[in-house]
Amino acid sequence: MRKDIHPEYREVVFQDAGADFAFLTRSCLHSNETIKWEDGNEYPLVKIEISSKSHPFYTGQHKVVDSGGRVDRFKRRYQRK
């Protein structure tokens, strides 16, 4: 294997500002901001727009959008008689 081709992984805090949710994980993303975490240490902070706490699929707010009655037409066309 070639040397020095893999990124450097370190602990980073990802923060979802919309849901007031943050989690600590390992990543190779760089950030100039830092945050003091629950364990008292400072970690780089990466702000994200959506996470499992704010995504509609994970929060149960996911809705099926039926544009033009396509679902009803499908059900009528393929329903068993």
PDB file of N, CA and C in Angstrom:
ATOM      1  N   MET A   1       0.831  -1.187   0.000  1.00  0.00           N
ATOM      2  CA  MET A   1       0.000   0.000   0.000  1.00  0.00           C
ATOM      3  C   MET A   1       0.872   1.246   0.000  1.00  0.00           C
ATOM      4  N   ARG A   2       0.352   2.281  -0.646  1.00  0.00           N
ATOM      5  CA  ARG A   2       1.079   3.548  -0.655  1.00  0.00           C
ATOM      6  C   ARG A   2       0.924   4.242   0.693  1.00  0.00           C
ATOM      7  N   LYS A   3       1.964   4.909   1.097  1.00  0.00           N
ATOM      8  CA  LYS A   3       1.940   5.615   2.379  1.00  0.00           C
ATOM      9  C   LYS A   3       1.443   7.039   2.177  1.00  0.00           C
ATOM     10  N   ASP A   4       0.895   7.604   3.238  1.00  0.00           N
ATOM     11  CA  ASP A   4       0.463   9.010   3.287  1.00  0.00           C
ATOM     12  C   ASP A   4      -0.648   9.351   2.309  1.00  0.00           C
ATOM     13  N   ILE A   5      -1.524   8.396   2.002  1.00  0.00           N
ATOM     14  CA  ILE A   5      -2.659   8.713   1.126  1.00  0.00           C
ATOM     15  C   ILE A   5      -3.975   8.750   1.903  1.00  0.00           C
ATOM     16  N   HIS A   6      -3.964   8.279   3.122  1.00  0.00           N
ATOM     17  CA  HIS A   6      -5.186   8.238   3.917  1.00  0.00           C
ATOM     18  C   HIS A   6      -5.331   9.519   4.732  1.00  0.00           C
ATOM     19  N   PRO A   7      -6.557  10.020   4.871  1.00  0.00           N
ATOM     20  CA  PRO A   7      -6.752  11.248   5.658  1.00  0.00           C
ATOM     21  C   PRO A   7      -6.552  10.981   7.147  1.00  0.00           C
ATOM     22  N   GLU A   8      -6.274  12.053   7.862  1.00  0.00           N
ATOM     23  CA  GLU A   8      -6.097  11.966   9.308  1.00  0.00           C
ATOM     24  C   GLU A   8      -7.466  12.099   9.982  1.00  0.00           C
ATOM     25  N   TYR A   9      -7.871  11.072  10.708  1.00  0.00           N
ATOM     26  CA  TYR A   9      -9.143  11.107  11.426  1.00  0.00           C
ATOM     27  C   TYR A   9      -8.906  11.591  12.842  1.00  0.00           C
ATOM     28  N   ARG A  10      -9.810  12.439  13.318  1.00  0.00           N
ATOM     29  CA  ARG A  10      -9.736  12.931  14.690  1.00  0.00           C
ATOM     30  C   ARG A  10     -11.166  13.121  15.197  1.00  0.00           C
ATOM     31  N   GLU A  11     -11.315  13.329  16.479  1.00  0.00           N
ATOM     32  CA  GLU A  11     -12.643  13.513  17.044  1.00  0.00           C
ATOM     33  C   GLU A  11     -13.155  14.905  16.708  1.00  0.00           C
ATOM     34  N   VAL A  12     -14.416  14.967  16.257  1.00  0.00           N
ATOM     35  CA  VAL A  12     -15.050  16.212  15.824  1.00  0.00           C
ATOM     36  C   VAL A  12     -16.476  16.214  16.355  1.00  0.00           C
ATOM     37  N   VAL A  13     -16.971  17.388  16.733  1.00  0.00           N
ATOM     38  CA  VAL A  13     -18.359  17.532  17.166  1.00  0.00           C
ATOM     39  C   VAL A  13     -19.168  18.073  15.990  1.00  0.00           C
ATOM     40  N   PHE A  14     -20.242  17.360  15.640  1.00  0.00           N
ATOM     41  CA  PHE A  14     -21.190  17.817  14.625  1.00  0.00           C
ATOM     42  C   PHE A  14     -22.392  18.391  15.359  1.00  0.00           C
ATOM     43  N   GLN A  15     -22.810  19.593  14.965  1.00  0.00           N
ATOM     44  CA  GLN A  15     -23.915  20.268  15.652  1.00  0.00           C
ATOM     45  C   GLN A  15     -25.008  20.621  14.653  1.00  0.00           C
ATOM     46  N   ASP A  16     -26.226  20.150  14.951  1.00  0.00           N
ATOM     47  CA  ASP A  16     -27.412  20.493  14.173  1.00  0.00           C
ATOM     48  C   ASP A  16     -28.065  21.664  14.888  1.00  0.00           C
ATOM     49  N   ALA A  17     -27.892  22.861  14.348  1.00  0.00           N
ATOM     50  CA  ALA A  17     -28.386  24.061  15.018  1.00  0.00           C
ATOM     51  C   ALA A  17     -29.912  24.111  15.061  1.00  0.00           C
ATOM     52  N   GLY A  18     -30.578  23.568  14.052  1.00  0.00           N
ATOM     53  CA  GLY A  18     -32.033  23.614  14.012  1.00  0.00           C
ATOM     54  C   GLY A  18     -32.688  22.762  15.076  1.00  0.00           C
ATOM     55  N   ALA A  19     -32.043  21.679  15.464  1.00  0.00           N
ATOM     56  CA  ALA A  19     -32.621  20.767  16.446  1.00  0.00           C
ATOM     57  C   ALA A  19     -31.941  20.863  17.803  1.00  0.00           C
ATOM     58  N   ASP A  20     -30.967  21.758  17.949  1.00  0.00           N
ATOM     59  CA  ASP A  20     -30.211  21.888  19.189  1.00  0.00           C
ATOM     60  C   ASP A  20     -29.682  20.521  19.622  1.00  0.00           C
ATOM     61  N   PHE A  21     -28.972  19.864  18.701  1.00  0.00           N
ATOM     62  CA  PHE A  21     -28.469  18.510  18.895  1.00  0.00           C
ATOM     63  C   PHE A  21     -27.025  18.460  18.431  1.00  0.00           C
ATOM     64  N   ALA A  22     -26.174  17.801  19.179  1.00  0.00           N
ATOM     65  CA  ALA A  22     -24.768  17.657  18.804  1.00  0.00           C
ATOM     66  C   ALA A  22     -24.296  16.264  19.167  1.00  0.00           C
ATOM     67  N   PHE A  23     -23.328  15.767  18.402  1.00  0.00           N
ATOM     68  CA  PHE A  23     -22.751  14.467  18.705  1.00  0.00           C
ATOM     69  C   PHE A  23     -21.274  14.465  18.362  1.00  0.00           C
ATOM     70  N   LEU A  24     -20.539  13.663  19.087  1.00  0.00           N
ATOM     71  CA  LEU A  24     -19.092  13.555  18.940  1.00  0.00           C
ATOM     72  C   LEU A  24     -18.781  12.283  18.173  1.00  0.00           C
ATOM     73  N   THR A  25     -17.984  12.408  17.127  1.00  0.00           N
ATOM     74  CA  THR A  25     -17.584  11.256  16.327  1.00  0.00           C
ATOM     75  C   THR A  25     -16.230  11.536  15.701  1.00  0.00           C
ATOM     76  N   ARG A  26     -15.698  10.575  14.986  1.00  0.00           N
ATOM     77  CA  ARG A  26     -14.419  10.764  14.303  1.00  0.00           C
ATOM     78  C   ARG A  26     -14.681  11.158  12.862  1.00  0.00           C
ATOM     79  N   SER A  27     -13.884  12.108  12.361  1.00  0.00           N
ATOM     80  CA  SER A  27     -14.039  12.591  11.004  1.00  0.00           C
ATOM     81  C   SER A  27     -12.726  13.178  10.519  1.00  0.00           C
ATOM     82  N   CYS A  28     -12.627  13.351   9.206  1.00  0.00           N
ATOM     83  CA  CYS A  28     -11.438  13.995   8.636  1.00  0.00           C
ATOM     84  C   CYS A  28     -11.755  15.423   8.190  1.00  0.00           C
ATOM     85  N   LEU A  29     -12.952  15.932   8.502  1.00  0.00           N
ATOM     86  CA  LEU A  29     -13.308  17.298   8.155  1.00  0.00           C
ATOM     87  C   LEU A  29     -12.515  18.290   9.004  1.00  0.00           C
ATOM     88  N   HIS A  30     -12.195  19.422   8.402  1.00  0.00           N
ATOM     89  CA  HIS A  30     -11.458  20.472   9.102  1.00  0.00           C
ATOM     90  C   HIS A  30     -12.411  21.608   9.469  1.00  0.00           C
ATOM     91  N   SER A  31     -12.155  22.256  10.586  1.00  0.00           N
ATOM     92  CA  SER A  31     -12.966  23.379  11.021  1.00  0.00           C
ATOM     93  C   SER A  31     -12.109  24.332  11.840  1.00  0.00           C
ATOM     94  N   ASN A  32     -12.391  25.624  11.685  1.00  0.00           N
ATOM     95  CA  ASN A  32     -11.679  26.631  12.479  1.00  0.00           C
ATOM     96  C   ASN A  32     -12.369  26.885  13.812  1.00  0.00           C
ATOM     97  N   GLU A  33     -13.633  26.472  13.930  1.00  0.00           N
ATOM     98  CA  GLU A  33     -14.385  26.665  15.167  1.00  0.00           C
ATOM     99  C   GLU A  33     -14.142  25.495  16.111  1.00  0.00           C
ATOM    100  N   THR A  34     -14.237  25.772  17.396  1.00  0.00           N
ATOM    101  CA  THR A  34     -14.122  24.720  18.403  1.00  0.00           C
ATOM    102  C   THR A  34     -15.268  24.851  19.395  1.00  0.00           C
ATOM    103  N   ILE A  35     -15.505  23.770  20.120  1.00  0.00           N
ATOM    104  CA  ILE A  35     -16.561  23.758  21.130  1.00  0.00           C
ATOM    105  C   ILE A  35     -16.074  22.926  22.309  1.00  0.00           C
ATOM    106  N   LYS A  36     -16.466  23.321  23.503  1.00  0.00           N
ATOM    107  CA  LYS A  36     -16.134  22.563  24.704  1.00  0.00           C
ATOM    108  C   LYS A  36     -17.208  21.485  24.863  1.00  0.00           C
ATOM    109  N   TRP A  37     -16.805  20.242  24.877  1.00  0.00           N
ATOM    110  CA  TRP A  37     -17.729  19.114  24.936  1.00  0.00           C
ATOM    111  C   TRP A  37     -18.008  18.721  26.373  1.00  0.00           C
ATOM    112  N   GLU A  38     -18.920  17.793  26.581  1.00  0.00           N
ATOM    113  CA  GLU A  38     -19.355  17.367  27.916  1.00  0.00           C
ATOM    114  C   GLU A  38     -18.229  16.816  28.775  1.00  0.00           C
ATOM    115  N   ASP A  39     -17.184  16.281  28.133  1.00  0.00           N
ATOM    116  CA  ASP A  39     -16.082  15.708  28.900  1.00  0.00           C
ATOM    117  C   ASP A  39     -15.040  16.751  29.311  1.00  0.00           C
ATOM    118  N   GLY A  40     -15.279  18.028  28.946  1.00  0.00           N
ATOM    119  CA  GLY A  40     -14.384  19.107  29.331  1.00  0.00           C
ATOM    120  C   GLY A  40     -13.318  19.432  28.304  1.00  0.00           C
ATOM    121  N   ASN A  41     -13.175  18.620  27.278  1.00  0.00           N
ATOM    122  CA  ASN A  41     -12.180  18.857  26.235  1.00  0.00           C
ATOM    123  C   ASN A  41     -12.761  19.707  25.113  1.00  0.00           C
ATOM    124  N   GLU A  42     -11.890  20.386  24.376  1.00  0.00           N
ATOM    125  CA  GLU A  42     -12.321  21.168  23.217  1.00  0.00           C
ATOM    126  C   GLU A  42     -12.091  20.362  21.954  1.00  0.00           C
ATOM    127  N   TYR A  43     -13.083  20.386  21.070  1.00  0.00           N
ATOM    128  CA  TYR A  43     -13.023  19.656  19.812  1.00  0.00           C
ATOM    129  C   TYR A  43     -13.402  20.597  18.673  1.00  0.00           C
ATOM    130  N   PRO A  44     -12.944  20.302  17.458  1.00  0.00           N
ATOM    131  CA  PRO A  44     -13.393  21.086  16.296  1.00  0.00           C
ATOM    132  C   PRO A  44     -14.903  20.944  16.135  1.00  0.00           C
ATOM    133  N   LEU A  45     -15.561  22.020  15.705  1.00  0.00           N
ATOM    134  CA  LEU A  45     -17.014  22.042  15.544  1.00  0.00           C
ATOM    135  C   LEU A  45     -17.368  22.158  14.073  1.00  0.00           C
ATOM    136  N   VAL A  46     -18.218  21.236  13.597  1.00  0.00           N
ATOM    137  CA  VAL A  46     -18.742  21.285  12.231  1.00  0.00           C
ATOM    138  C   VAL A  46     -20.249  21.444  12.349  1.00  0.00           C
ATOM    139  N   LYS A  47     -20.773  22.545  11.800  1.00  0.00           N
ATOM    140  CA  LYS A  47     -22.213  22.792  11.853  1.00  0.00           C
ATOM    141  C   LYS A  47     -22.881  22.162  10.641  1.00  0.00           C
ATOM    142  N   ILE A  48     -23.991  21.458  10.898  1.00  0.00           N
ATOM    143  CA  ILE A  48     -24.738  20.805   9.828  1.00  0.00           C
ATOM    144  C   ILE A  48     -26.172  21.303   9.839  1.00  0.00           C
ATOM    145  N   GLU A  49     -26.822  21.201   8.698  1.00  0.00           N
ATOM    146  CA  GLU A  49     -28.192  21.704   8.582  1.00  0.00           C
ATOM    147  C   GLU A  49     -29.239  20.684   8.983  1.00  0.00           C
ATOM    148  N   ILE A  50     -28.929  19.412   8.851  1.00  0.00           N
ATOM    149  CA  ILE A  50     -29.929  18.390   9.141  1.00  0.00           C
ATOM    150  C   ILE A  50     -29.236  17.163   9.731  1.00  0.00           C
ATOM    151  N   SER A  51     -29.903  16.539  10.681  1.00  0.00           N
ATOM    152  CA  SER A  51     -29.389  15.325  11.310  1.00  0.00           C
ATOM    153  C   SER A  51     -30.567  14.394  11.576  1.00  0.00           C
ATOM    154  N   SER A  52     -30.318  13.309  12.261  1.00  0.00           N
ATOM    155  CA  SER A  52     -31.396  12.372  12.570  1.00  0.00           C
ATOM    156  C   SER A  52     -32.437  12.985  13.503  1.00  0.00           C
ATOM    157  N   LYS A  53     -32.075  14.033  14.240  1.00  0.00           N
ATOM    158  CA  LYS A  53     -33.029  14.695  15.141  1.00  0.00           C
ATOM    159  C   LYS A  53     -33.934  15.683  14.413  1.00  0.00           C
ATOM    160  N   SER A  54     -33.563  16.090  13.193  1.00  0.00           N
ATOM    161  CA  SER A  54     -34.384  17.073  12.494  1.00  0.00           C
ATOM    162  C   SER A  54     -34.897  16.584  11.137  1.00  0.00           C
ATOM    163  N   HIS A  55     -34.424  15.449  10.652  1.00  0.00           N
ATOM    164  CA  HIS A  55     -34.872  14.949   9.348  1.00  0.00           C
ATOM    165  C   HIS A  55     -36.272  14.366   9.481  1.00  0.00           C
ATOM    166  N   PRO A  56     -37.194  14.731   8.588  1.00  0.00           N
ATOM    167  CA  PRO A  56     -38.580  14.268   8.694  1.00  0.00           C
ATOM    168  C   PRO A  56     -38.727  12.742   8.698  1.00  0.00           C
ATOM    169  N   PHE A  57     -37.890  12.031   8.005  1.00  0.00           N
ATOM    170  CA  PHE A  57     -37.994  10.567   7.976  1.00  0.00           C
ATOM    171  C   PHE A  57     -37.768   9.976   9.357  1.00  0.00           C
ATOM    172  N   TYR A  58     -36.785  10.480  10.093  1.00  0.00           N
ATOM    173  CA  TYR A  58     -36.451   9.937  11.404  1.00  0.00           C
ATOM    174  C   TYR A  58     -37.338  10.478  12.510  1.00  0.00           C
ATOM    175  N   THR A  59     -37.946  11.633  12.308  1.00  0.00           N
ATOM    176  CA  THR A  59     -38.792  12.217  13.350  1.00  0.00           C
ATOM    177  C   THR A  59     -40.249  11.783  13.240  1.00  0.00           C
ATOM    178  N   GLY A  60     -40.601  11.051  12.185  1.00  0.00           N
ATOM    179  CA  GLY A  60     -41.973  10.596  12.006  1.00  0.00           C
ATOM    180  C   GLY A  60     -42.849  11.612  11.303  1.00  0.00           C
ATOM    181  N   GLN A  61     -42.298  12.684  10.826  1.00  0.00           N
ATOM    182  CA  GLN A  61     -43.056  13.715  10.128  1.00  0.00           C
ATOM    183  C   GLN A  61     -43.046  13.503   8.612  1.00  0.00           C
ATOM    184  N   HIS A  62     -42.473  12.375   8.162  1.00  0.00           N
ATOM    185  CA  HIS A  62     -42.373  12.075   6.735  1.00  0.00           C
ATOM    186  C   HIS A  62     -43.764  11.869   6.154  1.00  0.00           C
ATOM    187  N   LYS A  63     -44.055  12.539   5.062  1.00  0.00           N
ATOM    188  CA  LYS A  63     -45.361  12.431   4.415  1.00  0.00           C
ATOM    189  C   LYS A  63     -45.170  12.068   2.955  1.00  0.00           C
ATOM    190  N   VAL A  64     -46.085  11.257   2.435  1.00  0.00           N
ATOM    191  CA  VAL A  64     -46.059  10.912   1.020  1.00  0.00           C
ATOM    192  C   VAL A  64     -46.799  12.006   0.272  1.00  0.00           C
ATOM    193  N   VAL A  65     -46.134  12.616  -0.676  1.00  0.00           N
ATOM    194  CA  VAL A  65     -46.738  13.683  -1.450  1.00  0.00           C
ATOM    195  C   VAL A  65     -47.357  13.073  -2.696  1.00  0.00           C
ATOM    196  N   ASP A  66     -48.649  13.242  -2.843  1.00  0.00           N
ATOM    197  CA  ASP A  66     -49.370  12.700  -3.991  1.00  0.00           C
ATOM    198  C   ASP A  66     -49.698  13.847  -4.926  1.00  0.00           C
ATOM    199  N   SER A  67     -48.908  13.993  -5.953  1.00  0.00           N
ATOM    200  CA  SER A  67     -49.162  15.087  -6.896  1.00  0.00           C
ATOM    201  C   SER A  67     -50.029  14.590  -8.033  1.00  0.00           C
ATOM    202  N   GLY A  68     -51.162  15.179  -8.140  1.00  0.00           N
ATOM    203  CA  GLY A  68     -52.061  14.862  -9.250  1.00  0.00           C
ATOM    204  C   GLY A  68     -52.819  13.565  -9.095  1.00  0.00           C
ATOM    205  N   GLY A  69     -52.909  13.007  -7.897  1.00  0.00           N
ATOM    206  CA  GLY A  69     -53.685  11.788  -7.695  1.00  0.00           C
ATOM    207  C   GLY A  69     -53.052  10.550  -8.300  1.00  0.00           C
ATOM    208  N   ARG A  70     -51.760  10.542  -8.460  1.00  0.00           N
ATOM    209  CA  ARG A  70     -51.088   9.401  -9.095  1.00  0.00           C
ATOM    210  C   ARG A  70     -51.241   8.126  -8.283  1.00  0.00           C
ATOM    211  N   VAL A  71     -51.211   8.229  -6.964  1.00  0.00           N
ATOM    212  CA  VAL A  71     -51.350   7.037  -6.127  1.00  0.00           C
ATOM    213  C   VAL A  71     -52.745   6.445  -6.301  1.00  0.00           C
ATOM    214  N   ASP A  72     -53.777   7.298  -6.293  1.00  0.00           N
ATOM    215  CA  ASP A  72     -55.149   6.804  -6.471  1.00  0.00           C
ATOM    216  C   ASP A  72     -55.336   6.167  -7.844  1.00  0.00           C
ATOM    217  N   ARG A  73     -54.793   6.779  -8.876  1.00  0.00           N
ATOM    218  CA  ARG A  73     -54.907   6.202 -10.226  1.00  0.00           C
ATOM    219  C   ARG A  73     -54.210   4.852 -10.288  1.00  0.00           C
ATOM    220  N   PHE A  74     -53.056   4.734  -9.646  1.00  0.00           N
ATOM    221  CA  PHE A  74     -52.329   3.476  -9.624  1.00  0.00           C
ATOM    222  C   PHE A  74     -53.148   2.400  -8.922  1.00  0.00           C
ATOM    223  N   LYS A  75     -53.714   2.744  -7.770  1.00  0.00           N
ATOM    224  CA  LYS A  75     -54.511   1.767  -7.023  1.00  0.00           C
ATOM    225  C   LYS A  75     -55.736   1.322  -7.809  1.00  0.00           C
ATOM    226  N   ARG A  76     -56.422   2.270  -8.466  1.00  0.00           N
ATOM    227  CA  ARG A  76     -57.594   1.913  -9.272  1.00  0.00           C
ATOM    228  C   ARG A  76     -57.208   1.016 -10.446  1.00  0.00           C
ATOM    229  N   ARG A  77     -56.109   1.322 -11.069  1.00  0.00           N
ATOM    230  CA  ARG A  77     -55.700   0.586 -12.262  1.00  0.00           C
ATOM    231  C   ARG A  77     -55.280  -0.842 -11.927  1.00  0.00           C
ATOM    232  N   TYR A  78     -54.609  -1.045 -10.806  1.00  0.00           N
ATOM    233  CA  TYR A  78     -54.040  -2.346 -10.501  1.00  0.00           C
ATOM    234  C   TYR A  78     -54.712  -3.068  -9.343  1.00  0.00           C
ATOM    235  N   GLN A  79     -55.869  -2.606  -8.900  1.00  0.00           N
ATOM    236  CA  GLN A  79     -56.539  -3.317  -7.819  1.00  0.00           C
ATOM    237  C   GLN A  79     -57.142  -4.602  -8.345  1.00  0.00           C
ATOM    238  N   ARG A  80     -57.142  -5.588  -7.520  1.00  0.00           N
ATOM    239  CA  ARG A  80     -57.696  -6.896  -7.909  1.00  0.00           C
ATOM    240  C   ARG A  80     -59.188  -6.890  -7.687  1.00  0.00           C
ATOM    241  N   LYS A  81     -59.867  -7.420  -8.647  1.00  0.00           N
ATOM    242  CA  LYS A  81     -61.346  -7.431  -8.568  1.00  0.00           C
ATOM    243  C   LYS A  81     -61.856  -8.733  -8.023  1.00  0.00           C
TER     244      LYS A  81
END
